[in-house]
Amino acid sequence: MHKFEELKIWQKAMDITEKCYKASENFPKEERYGLTSQLRRSAVSIPSNISEGAGRNTKGEFKQFLGIANGSCYELLTQLYLSTRLNLIKEENVRPIINEVLEITKMNFSLQRSLNT
């Protein structure tokens, strides 16, 4: 349906995912299967669902996967906030990522609206 690699939202989501991997590199080893894994999986879920939706046959299916991607954005935000509360990452290091995730949610809603026409 769409060439997902050309979608600005997918490109930005990939950038966020890369930043989340780097931001969580120094989390404690005991978090490897906990918060580190969960944070990374929710980050990966965002561009993954965007690309999967773009490959579907109808606008309705695409919108459904964009909705899932949006849910993953909010899941990621929670994990980023928790990471700062647990002092695993400094607020000033995570704030730019949070701002980018919030930008992705706005882009997502706009893209979903455009699929209604």
N, C-alpha and C. Protein backbone atom coordinates (compact mmCIF):
# COMPACT_ATOMS: atom_id res chain seq x y z
N MET A 1 0.83 -1.19 0.00
CA MET A 1 0.00 0.00 0.00
C MET A 1 0.87 1.26 0.00
N HIS A 2 1.76 1.39 0.99
CA HIS A 2 2.66 2.53 1.07
C HIS A 2 4.11 2.03 1.14
N LYS A 3 5.01 2.83 0.65
CA LYS A 3 6.43 2.52 0.83
C LYS A 3 6.82 3.06 2.20
N PHE A 4 6.84 2.16 3.19
CA PHE A 4 7.03 2.61 4.57
C PHE A 4 8.35 3.31 4.78
N GLU A 5 9.38 2.94 4.02
CA GLU A 5 10.69 3.58 4.20
C GLU A 5 10.65 5.07 3.86
N GLU A 6 9.67 5.47 3.08
CA GLU A 6 9.54 6.88 2.69
C GLU A 6 8.69 7.68 3.67
N LEU A 7 8.02 7.00 4.59
CA LEU A 7 7.16 7.69 5.55
C LEU A 7 8.02 8.38 6.62
N LYS A 8 7.83 9.68 6.77
CA LYS A 8 8.60 10.47 7.75
C LYS A 8 8.38 9.92 9.17
N ILE A 9 7.16 9.49 9.46
CA ILE A 9 6.85 8.96 10.79
C ILE A 9 7.65 7.69 11.07
N TRP A 10 7.81 6.85 10.05
CA TRP A 10 8.60 5.62 10.23
C TRP A 10 10.08 5.96 10.44
N GLN A 11 10.58 6.91 9.66
CA GLN A 11 11.98 7.32 9.79
C GLN A 11 12.26 7.86 11.20
N LYS A 12 11.36 8.71 11.70
CA LYS A 12 11.53 9.27 13.04
C LYS A 12 11.42 8.18 14.10
N ALA A 13 10.51 7.24 13.90
CA ALA A 13 10.35 6.14 14.85
C ALA A 13 11.61 5.28 14.89
N MET A 14 12.25 5.08 13.75
CA MET A 14 13.51 4.33 13.73
C MET A 14 14.60 5.08 14.49
N ASP A 15 14.65 6.41 14.33
CA ASP A 15 15.62 7.21 15.08
C ASP A 15 15.40 7.08 16.58
N ILE A 16 14.14 7.13 17.00
CA ILE A 16 13.81 7.00 18.43
C ILE A 16 14.25 5.63 18.94
N THR A 17 13.99 4.60 18.16
CA THR A 17 14.36 3.25 18.57
C THR A 17 15.86 3.15 18.79
N GLU A 18 16.61 3.69 17.86
CA GLU A 18 18.07 3.67 17.99
C GLU A 18 18.52 4.42 19.25
N LYS A 19 17.91 5.56 19.52
CA LYS A 19 18.26 6.34 20.71
C LYS A 19 17.90 5.59 21.98
N CYS A 20 16.81 4.87 21.98
CA CYS A 20 16.41 4.10 23.16
C CYS A 20 17.38 2.96 23.43
N TYR A 21 17.85 2.32 22.38
CA TYR A 21 18.85 1.26 22.56
C TYR A 21 20.11 1.84 23.20
N LYS A 22 20.55 2.98 22.68
CA LYS A 22 21.76 3.60 23.22
C LYS A 22 21.55 4.11 24.64
N ALA A 23 20.38 4.67 24.92
CA ALA A 23 20.10 5.20 26.25
C ALA A 23 20.05 4.11 27.30
N SER A 24 19.66 2.90 26.91
CA SER A 24 19.52 1.82 27.87
C SER A 24 20.75 0.91 27.94
N GLU A 25 21.79 1.24 27.19
CA GLU A 25 23.01 0.42 27.18
C GLU A 25 23.63 0.23 28.57
N ASN A 26 23.55 1.26 29.38
CA ASN A 26 24.22 1.21 30.68
C ASN A 26 23.28 0.92 31.85
N PHE A 27 22.06 0.46 31.54
CA PHE A 27 21.18 0.05 32.61
C PHE A 27 21.82 -1.14 33.33
N PRO A 28 21.53 -1.34 34.60
CA PRO A 28 22.13 -2.46 35.33
C PRO A 28 21.82 -3.81 34.69
N LYS A 29 22.73 -4.74 34.86
CA LYS A 29 22.56 -6.08 34.29
C LYS A 29 21.29 -6.76 34.78
N GLU A 30 20.89 -6.48 36.03
CA GLU A 30 19.68 -7.11 36.56
C GLU A 30 18.41 -6.62 35.86
N GLU A 31 18.52 -5.54 35.09
CA GLU A 31 17.38 -5.04 34.32
C GLU A 31 17.37 -5.56 32.88
N ARG A 32 18.35 -6.38 32.53
CA ARG A 32 18.46 -6.88 31.15
C ARG A 32 17.15 -7.51 30.67
N TYR A 33 16.52 -8.31 31.52
CA TYR A 33 15.28 -9.00 31.14
C TYR A 33 14.06 -8.29 31.70
N GLY A 34 14.27 -7.15 32.30
CA GLY A 34 13.18 -6.36 32.85
C GLY A 34 12.97 -5.10 32.03
N LEU A 35 13.27 -3.99 32.67
CA LEU A 35 12.99 -2.69 32.05
C LEU A 35 13.75 -2.47 30.75
N THR A 36 14.99 -2.91 30.67
CA THR A 36 15.77 -2.73 29.44
C THR A 36 15.08 -3.41 28.27
N SER A 37 14.71 -4.66 28.47
CA SER A 37 14.04 -5.41 27.42
C SER A 37 12.69 -4.81 27.06
N GLN A 38 11.91 -4.44 28.06
CA GLN A 38 10.58 -3.88 27.81
C GLN A 38 10.67 -2.54 27.07
N LEU A 39 11.60 -1.70 27.49
CA LEU A 39 11.78 -0.40 26.84
C LEU A 39 12.16 -0.58 25.37
N ARG A 40 13.08 -1.48 25.13
CA ARG A 40 13.53 -1.70 23.76
C ARG A 40 12.42 -2.32 22.90
N ARG A 41 11.67 -3.25 23.47
CA ARG A 41 10.60 -3.89 22.70
C ARG A 41 9.49 -2.89 22.35
N SER A 42 9.15 -2.02 23.27
CA SER A 42 8.11 -1.04 22.95
C SER A 42 8.62 -0.04 21.92
N ALA A 43 9.90 0.32 21.99
CA ALA A 43 10.47 1.23 20.99
C ALA A 43 10.45 0.59 19.60
N VAL A 44 10.86 -0.67 19.52
CA VAL A 44 10.88 -1.39 18.24
C VAL A 44 9.47 -1.57 17.69
N SER A 45 8.51 -1.70 18.58
CA SER A 45 7.12 -1.91 18.17
C SER A 45 6.57 -0.73 17.36
N ILE A 46 7.05 0.46 17.62
CA ILE A 46 6.51 1.64 16.94
C ILE A 46 6.78 1.59 15.43
N PRO A 47 8.05 1.56 14.98
CA PRO A 47 8.26 1.50 13.53
C PRO A 47 7.80 0.18 12.93
N SER A 48 7.83 -0.89 13.72
CA SER A 48 7.39 -2.19 13.21
C SER A 48 5.92 -2.18 12.85
N ASN A 49 5.10 -1.60 13.72
CA ASN A 49 3.66 -1.55 13.44
C ASN A 49 3.34 -0.57 12.32
N ILE A 50 4.09 0.51 12.23
CA ILE A 50 3.89 1.44 11.12
C ILE A 50 4.17 0.73 9.79
N SER A 51 5.28 0.02 9.73
CA SER A 51 5.63 -0.66 8.48
C SER A 51 4.67 -1.80 8.18
N GLU A 52 4.25 -2.54 9.21
CA GLU A 52 3.31 -3.63 8.97
C GLU A 52 1.98 -3.08 8.45
N GLY A 53 1.51 -1.99 9.05
CA GLY A 53 0.27 -1.38 8.59
C GLY A 53 0.37 -0.87 7.17
N ALA A 54 1.52 -0.30 6.84
CA ALA A 54 1.71 0.23 5.48
C ALA A 54 1.65 -0.89 4.44
N GLY A 55 1.98 -2.09 4.86
CA GLY A 55 1.96 -3.22 3.94
C GLY A 55 0.62 -3.91 3.84
N ARG A 56 -0.37 -3.46 4.57
CA ARG A 56 -1.69 -4.08 4.54
C ARG A 56 -2.48 -3.60 3.32
N ASN A 57 -3.62 -4.23 3.12
CA ASN A 57 -4.39 -4.01 1.89
C ASN A 57 -5.34 -2.83 1.93
N THR A 58 -5.77 -2.40 3.13
CA THR A 58 -6.78 -1.34 3.18
C THR A 58 -6.33 -0.23 4.12
N LYS A 59 -6.94 0.93 3.96
CA LYS A 59 -6.67 2.06 4.85
C LYS A 59 -7.08 1.71 6.28
N GLY A 60 -8.17 0.98 6.42
CA GLY A 60 -8.64 0.59 7.74
C GLY A 60 -7.63 -0.27 8.47
N GLU A 61 -7.01 -1.20 7.76
CA GLU A 61 -5.98 -2.04 8.37
C GLU A 61 -4.76 -1.20 8.75
N PHE A 62 -4.40 -0.27 7.87
CA PHE A 62 -3.26 0.61 8.16
C PHE A 62 -3.55 1.41 9.43
N LYS A 63 -4.75 1.97 9.53
CA LYS A 63 -5.13 2.75 10.72
C LYS A 63 -5.06 1.90 11.99
N GLN A 64 -5.47 0.65 11.88
CA GLN A 64 -5.44 -0.24 13.04
C GLN A 64 -4.00 -0.40 13.55
N PHE A 65 -3.06 -0.59 12.65
CA PHE A 65 -1.67 -0.75 13.05
C PHE A 65 -1.06 0.57 13.54
N LEU A 66 -1.53 1.69 12.99
CA LEU A 66 -1.09 2.98 13.51
C LEU A 66 -1.58 3.16 14.94
N GLY A 67 -2.77 2.66 15.23
CA GLY A 67 -3.29 2.71 16.59
C GLY A 67 -2.44 1.89 17.54
N ILE A 68 -1.99 0.74 17.10
CA ILE A 68 -1.11 -0.10 17.92
C ILE A 68 0.22 0.61 18.14
N ALA A 69 0.75 1.22 17.08
CA ALA A 69 2.00 1.98 17.20
C ALA A 69 1.85 3.11 18.21
N ASN A 70 0.69 3.76 18.20
CA ASN A 70 0.46 4.85 19.14
C ASN A 70 0.44 4.33 20.58
N GLY A 71 -0.18 3.18 20.78
CA GLY A 71 -0.17 2.57 22.11
C GLY A 71 1.25 2.27 22.56
N SER A 72 2.08 1.82 21.64
CA SER A 72 3.48 1.54 21.97
C SER A 72 4.23 2.82 22.32
N CYS A 73 3.84 3.95 21.72
CA CYS A 73 4.45 5.24 22.08
C CYS A 73 4.18 5.55 23.55
N TYR A 74 2.95 5.36 23.96
CA TYR A 74 2.60 5.67 25.35
C TYR A 74 3.23 4.68 26.32
N GLU A 75 3.37 3.44 25.90
CA GLU A 75 4.07 2.45 26.71
C GLU A 75 5.54 2.87 26.87
N LEU A 76 6.15 3.29 25.77
CA LEU A 76 7.54 3.74 25.81
C LEU A 76 7.70 4.96 26.71
N LEU A 77 6.78 5.90 26.63
CA LEU A 77 6.84 7.09 27.50
C LEU A 77 6.85 6.68 28.97
N THR A 78 5.99 5.75 29.33
CA THR A 78 5.94 5.29 30.72
C THR A 78 7.27 4.68 31.14
N GLN A 79 7.87 3.89 30.28
CA GLN A 79 9.15 3.25 30.61
C GLN A 79 10.28 4.28 30.70
N LEU A 80 10.23 5.30 29.87
CA LEU A 80 11.24 6.36 29.96
C LEU A 80 11.09 7.15 31.26
N TYR A 81 9.84 7.47 31.61
CA TYR A 81 9.60 8.17 32.88
C TYR A 81 10.07 7.32 34.06
N LEU A 82 9.75 6.04 34.02
CA LEU A 82 10.16 5.15 35.11
C LEU A 82 11.68 5.06 35.20
N SER A 83 12.34 5.04 34.06
CA SER A 83 13.80 4.97 34.04
C SER A 83 14.43 6.17 34.75
N THR A 84 13.81 7.34 34.60
CA THR A 84 14.33 8.52 35.30
C THR A 84 14.01 8.45 36.78
N ARG A 85 12.81 7.98 37.12
CA ARG A 85 12.43 7.87 38.53
C ARG A 85 13.31 6.89 39.28
N LEU A 86 13.78 5.86 38.58
CA LEU A 86 14.67 4.87 39.19
C LEU A 86 16.14 5.26 39.08
N ASN A 87 16.39 6.46 38.58
CA ASN A 87 17.75 6.99 38.40
C ASN A 87 18.62 6.11 37.50
N LEU A 88 18.00 5.51 36.51
CA LEU A 88 18.75 4.71 35.55
C LEU A 88 19.26 5.57 34.40
N ILE A 89 18.61 6.71 34.21
CA ILE A 89 18.98 7.64 33.16
C ILE A 89 18.63 9.05 33.64
N LYS A 90 19.44 10.00 33.28
CA LYS A 90 19.21 11.37 33.72
C LYS A 90 18.09 12.02 32.91
N GLU A 91 17.32 12.84 33.59
CA GLU A 91 16.20 13.55 32.97
C GLU A 91 16.65 14.30 31.71
N GLU A 92 17.78 14.99 31.80
CA GLU A 92 18.23 15.78 30.65
C GLU A 92 18.61 14.90 29.45
N ASN A 93 18.94 13.64 29.71
CA ASN A 93 19.26 12.72 28.61
C ASN A 93 18.02 12.11 27.98
N VAL A 94 16.98 11.96 28.78
CA VAL A 94 15.77 11.30 28.28
C VAL A 94 14.74 12.30 27.74
N ARG A 95 14.80 13.55 28.18
CA ARG A 95 13.82 14.56 27.74
C ARG A 95 13.75 14.70 26.22
N PRO A 96 14.88 14.76 25.51
CA PRO A 96 14.79 14.86 24.04
C PRO A 96 14.08 13.66 23.40
N ILE A 97 14.29 12.48 23.95
CA ILE A 97 13.62 11.28 23.42
C ILE A 97 12.12 11.39 23.68
N ILE A 98 11.75 11.79 24.89
CA ILE A 98 10.34 11.96 25.23
C ILE A 98 9.68 12.94 24.28
N ASN A 99 10.35 14.05 24.01
CA ASN A 99 9.79 15.05 23.10
C ASN A 99 9.59 14.48 21.69
N GLU A 100 10.53 13.65 21.25
CA GLU A 100 10.39 13.04 19.93
C GLU A 100 9.24 12.03 19.90
N VAL A 101 9.06 11.29 20.99
CA VAL A 101 7.94 10.35 21.05
C VAL A 101 6.62 11.12 20.99
N LEU A 102 6.54 12.22 21.72
CA LEU A 102 5.32 13.04 21.68
C LEU A 102 5.06 13.58 20.28
N GLU A 103 6.13 13.94 19.58
CA GLU A 103 5.98 14.40 18.19
C GLU A 103 5.45 13.27 17.30
N ILE A 104 5.93 12.06 17.52
CA ILE A 104 5.46 10.90 16.75
C ILE A 104 3.97 10.68 16.98
N THR A 105 3.50 10.85 18.23
CA THR A 105 2.07 10.64 18.49
C THR A 105 1.23 11.65 17.72
N LYS A 106 1.70 12.88 17.64
CA LYS A 106 0.98 13.90 16.87
C LYS A 106 0.97 13.56 15.38
N MET A 107 2.11 13.12 14.87
CA MET A 107 2.20 12.73 13.47
C MET A 107 1.26 11.55 13.20
N ASN A 108 1.21 10.64 14.15
CA ASN A 108 0.38 9.45 14.01
C ASN A 108 -1.09 9.83 13.89
N PHE A 109 -1.55 10.68 14.79
CA PHE A 109 -2.95 11.11 14.74
C PHE A 109 -3.26 11.81 13.42
N SER A 110 -2.34 12.64 12.94
CA SER A 110 -2.54 13.32 11.66
C SER A 110 -2.61 12.33 10.51
N LEU A 111 -1.74 11.34 10.53
CA LEU A 111 -1.75 10.33 9.47
C LEU A 111 -3.04 9.53 9.51
N GLN A 112 -3.48 9.18 10.71
CA GLN A 112 -4.75 8.45 10.84
C GLN A 112 -5.92 9.28 10.28
N ARG A 113 -5.95 10.56 10.62
CA ARG A 113 -7.00 11.43 10.10
C ARG A 113 -6.97 11.50 8.57
N SER A 114 -5.79 11.55 8.01
CA SER A 114 -5.67 11.64 6.55
C SER A 114 -6.17 10.36 5.86
N LEU A 115 -6.16 9.26 6.58
CA LEU A 115 -6.63 8.01 6.00
C LEU A 115 -8.15 7.91 6.01
N ASN A 116 -8.82 8.85 6.67
CA ASN A 116 -10.28 8.86 6.69
C ASN A 116 -10.87 9.39 5.39
N THR A 117 -10.06 10.08 4.61
CA THR A 117 -10.58 10.69 3.38
C THR A 117 -10.50 9.76 2.20
